[in-house]
Amino acid sequence: GAGSARPALPSIVTNIYDFSLWSQASYGPCPPGHYCYNGTVNPTQCPSGKVRKNLRGTNAADCSTCGAGEICYEGDPVAYPCPKGMYCEYGSDAQYCPAATYNDQYSATSRDWC
């Protein structure tokens, strides 16, 4: 995302799946943050700006657009609050506030917050 640091996740969350060895036959339904075409061997990450919180995504349309005031990272099943100093419009990457302005709150949804 636009120069912002991704919040640190506990290792138990980030290490649920070893995607290099994942397959539907071995590990069950497609994991959150991904979609798996029928018969696939490897899950495909939802792209940046999209999120999938549930299991069993079957195609790219199963990844939802990140909401206003949120930032979504590729393959991550969590939508995070937009960082301070930035704003996150619906379906867009996080943007820094313009020069000489600042937003001191999380989850800003438009440039008007700056």
Protein backbone atom coordinates (compact mmCIF):
# COMPACT_ATOMS: atom_id res chain seq x y z
CA GLY A 1 0.00 0.00 0.00
CA ALA A 2 1.06 3.62 -0.54
CA GLY A 3 4.11 3.71 1.75
CA SER A 4 2.30 2.77 4.92
CA ALA A 5 3.50 0.10 7.29
CA ARG A 6 1.33 -2.98 7.51
CA PRO A 7 0.19 -3.62 11.07
CA ALA A 8 2.07 -6.54 12.62
CA LEU A 9 0.00 -9.69 12.96
CA PRO A 10 0.56 -12.32 15.64
CA SER A 11 2.53 -15.26 14.25
CA ILE A 12 -0.35 -17.63 14.95
CA VAL A 13 -2.43 -15.69 12.40
CA THR A 14 0.24 -15.31 9.74
CA ASN A 15 1.36 -18.95 9.89
CA ILE A 16 -1.98 -20.77 9.70
CA TYR A 17 -1.23 -22.05 6.20
CA ASP A 18 1.98 -22.94 4.39
CA PHE A 19 0.80 -21.87 0.95
CA SER A 20 3.77 -23.47 -0.82
CA LEU A 21 2.32 -26.86 0.11
CA TRP A 22 -1.40 -26.01 0.12
CA SER A 23 -3.95 -27.85 -1.97
CA GLN A 24 -7.68 -28.35 -1.57
CA ALA A 25 -7.18 -32.11 -1.35
CA SER A 26 -4.62 -31.78 1.44
CA TYR A 27 -5.79 -28.75 3.43
CA GLY A 28 -9.49 -28.37 2.69
CA PRO A 29 -11.34 -25.26 1.54
CA CYS A 30 -9.62 -22.27 -0.01
CA PRO A 31 -8.19 -20.06 2.78
CA PRO A 32 -9.33 -16.51 3.65
CA GLY A 33 -7.67 -13.76 1.59
CA HIS A 34 -7.56 -16.04 -1.45
CA TYR A 35 -9.65 -17.68 -4.14
CA CYS A 36 -9.13 -21.09 -5.69
CA TYR A 37 -10.36 -22.07 -9.13
CA ASN A 38 -11.83 -25.58 -9.30
CA GLY A 39 -9.01 -28.11 -9.37
CA THR A 40 -6.31 -25.58 -8.49
CA VAL A 41 -3.16 -26.61 -6.67
CA ASN A 42 -2.22 -23.14 -5.33
CA PRO A 43 -4.56 -20.47 -3.95
CA THR A 44 -4.53 -17.06 -5.67
CA GLN A 45 -4.24 -14.02 -3.41
CA CYS A 46 -6.97 -11.41 -3.53
CA PRO A 47 -5.30 -8.30 -4.99
CA SER A 48 -4.40 -5.17 -3.05
CA GLY A 49 -7.56 -3.13 -2.43
CA LYS A 50 -9.66 -6.30 -2.13
CA VAL A 51 -10.44 -8.52 0.86
CA ARG A 52 -11.96 -11.93 1.50
CA LYS A 53 -12.61 -12.81 5.14
CA ASN A 54 -14.16 -16.24 4.60
CA LEU A 55 -13.09 -19.66 3.34
CA ARG A 56 -14.08 -21.12 -0.04
CA GLY A 57 -13.45 -18.30 -2.49
CA THR A 58 -13.74 -19.77 -6.00
CA ASN A 59 -12.88 -16.82 -8.27
CA ALA A 60 -11.69 -13.20 -8.24
CA ALA A 61 -15.26 -11.92 -7.87
CA ASP A 62 -15.32 -13.50 -4.40
CA CYS A 63 -12.83 -10.84 -3.23
CA SER A 64 -14.76 -7.76 -2.04
CA THR A 65 -13.69 -4.18 -2.63
CA CYS A 66 -12.06 -2.63 0.42
CA GLY A 67 -14.42 -0.19 2.13
CA ALA A 68 -13.99 3.55 2.56
CA GLY A 69 -11.70 4.27 5.51
CA GLU A 70 -9.98 0.89 5.17
CA ILE A 71 -6.75 -0.39 3.64
CA CYS A 72 -6.52 -3.94 2.26
CA TYR A 73 -3.29 -5.77 1.45
CA GLU A 74 -2.80 -8.48 -1.15
CA GLY A 75 -3.79 -11.90 0.21
CA ASP A 76 -4.66 -10.57 3.67
CA PRO A 77 -8.12 -11.51 4.99
CA VAL A 78 -8.27 -8.42 7.22
CA ALA A 79 -9.29 -4.87 6.25
CA TYR A 80 -7.29 -2.44 8.43
CA PRO A 81 -8.24 1.11 9.46
CA CYS A 82 -6.74 3.70 7.14
CA PRO A 83 -3.53 5.02 8.80
CA LYS A 84 -3.18 8.51 10.28
CA GLY A 85 -1.86 11.04 7.75
CA MET A 86 -3.72 9.29 4.94
CA TYR A 87 -7.23 8.84 3.57
CA CYS A 88 -8.78 5.77 1.95
CA GLU A 89 -11.67 6.25 -0.44
CA TYR A 90 -13.89 3.30 -1.38
CA GLY A 91 -12.08 1.00 -3.79
CA SER A 92 -8.91 3.12 -3.92
CA ASP A 93 -5.40 2.78 -2.56
CA ALA A 94 -4.50 4.81 0.52
CA GLN A 95 -3.45 8.37 -0.32
CA TYR A 96 -1.26 10.69 1.70
CA CYS A 97 -2.78 13.99 2.76
CA PRO A 98 -1.65 16.87 0.53
CA ALA A 99 1.36 18.99 1.52
CA ALA A 100 0.75 21.31 4.49
CA THR A 101 -2.24 19.22 5.66
CA TYR A 102 -2.53 16.31 8.06
CA ASN A 103 -5.14 13.89 9.35
CA ASP A 104 -4.62 12.77 12.95
CA GLN A 105 -7.35 10.12 12.93
CA TYR A 106 -7.64 6.56 11.68
CA SER A 107 -10.19 5.49 9.05
CA ALA A 108 -10.35 8.74 7.05
CA THR A 109 -12.62 8.24 4.05
CA SER A 110 -11.75 11.28 1.94
CA ARG A 111 -9.28 14.14 1.40
CA ASP A 112 -11.68 16.36 3.36
CA TRP A 113 -10.31 14.75 6.57
CA CYS A 114 -6.89 16.32 5.93
